[in-house]
Structure formats: C-alpha cells, structure tokens
Amino acid sequence: MTKTERIRELNDRLRRTGLGGQIMTTPGVRALDEEARASLIHQVRTFSEFSADNDPYGEHDFGAVAVAGERFFWKIDYYDPSLTHGSDDPAEPEKTARVLTIMRADEY
C-alpha cells in the first residue's frame, strides 16, 4: 500500500465511522435543526464524489455537500499527537491526530 493509499484509508475511516480522530463542527453546523444536522452528517459519511478538482492528492480529505439549500464543506487536517503542529507523517496513525471539521461554506 502506498503512503497516499494509507492516508486515504485512514481519512475514509474517520469520515465514515468517526474512528481514528476527532470530529469538530462549527457554530453554523451546530445551529442547524436536528434533522438537517443528521442529513449533513450522513452526506459527509457517504460522500464519494472525489475528483481531481476536490481531491488533487487522492487523500479524500475534503468535500462539499448541500443541505437545506446551504453549501457545507468538510475537511480533514493532520496534526501531531499534541495538536500543536502539523503531522510529520499522516500515513502513520501513532504520529497523527486527524481532525475532521464540518462547516458552512461561508465559515471557511
């Protein structure tokens, strides 16, 4: 497995299951009603529309979806385990704290 394939696998695991990192939401997401929030989470978990435009490195670390007429982004960032610096090697889970952030597009 290549480094990119490993990063993609770890990112997909976090996005689909919530395992292997932290999931953060912005105030705009938290302000949604329960039904819209559930729909947004479902769309992030099942997102599969990766392309060269939104996934140029093949890591499955970004996507955009629409819920209730609003556009939302999700993004996975890689930090060191203390969350103070970028990860030295995002393909190594013991060296990386993954953070998936879900936000309204205007909060980006």
Foldseek 3Di string as FASTA:
>chain_A
DDLLVLLQVLQLCCLQPVPLAEEAEDPVLVPDPPVQNVVVSVCSNPPDPDDCVAQVSNNSAKDWDDTPRFIKMKGKAWPAPVRPGHFPRSSDSNGTHIYIYIYTPVVD
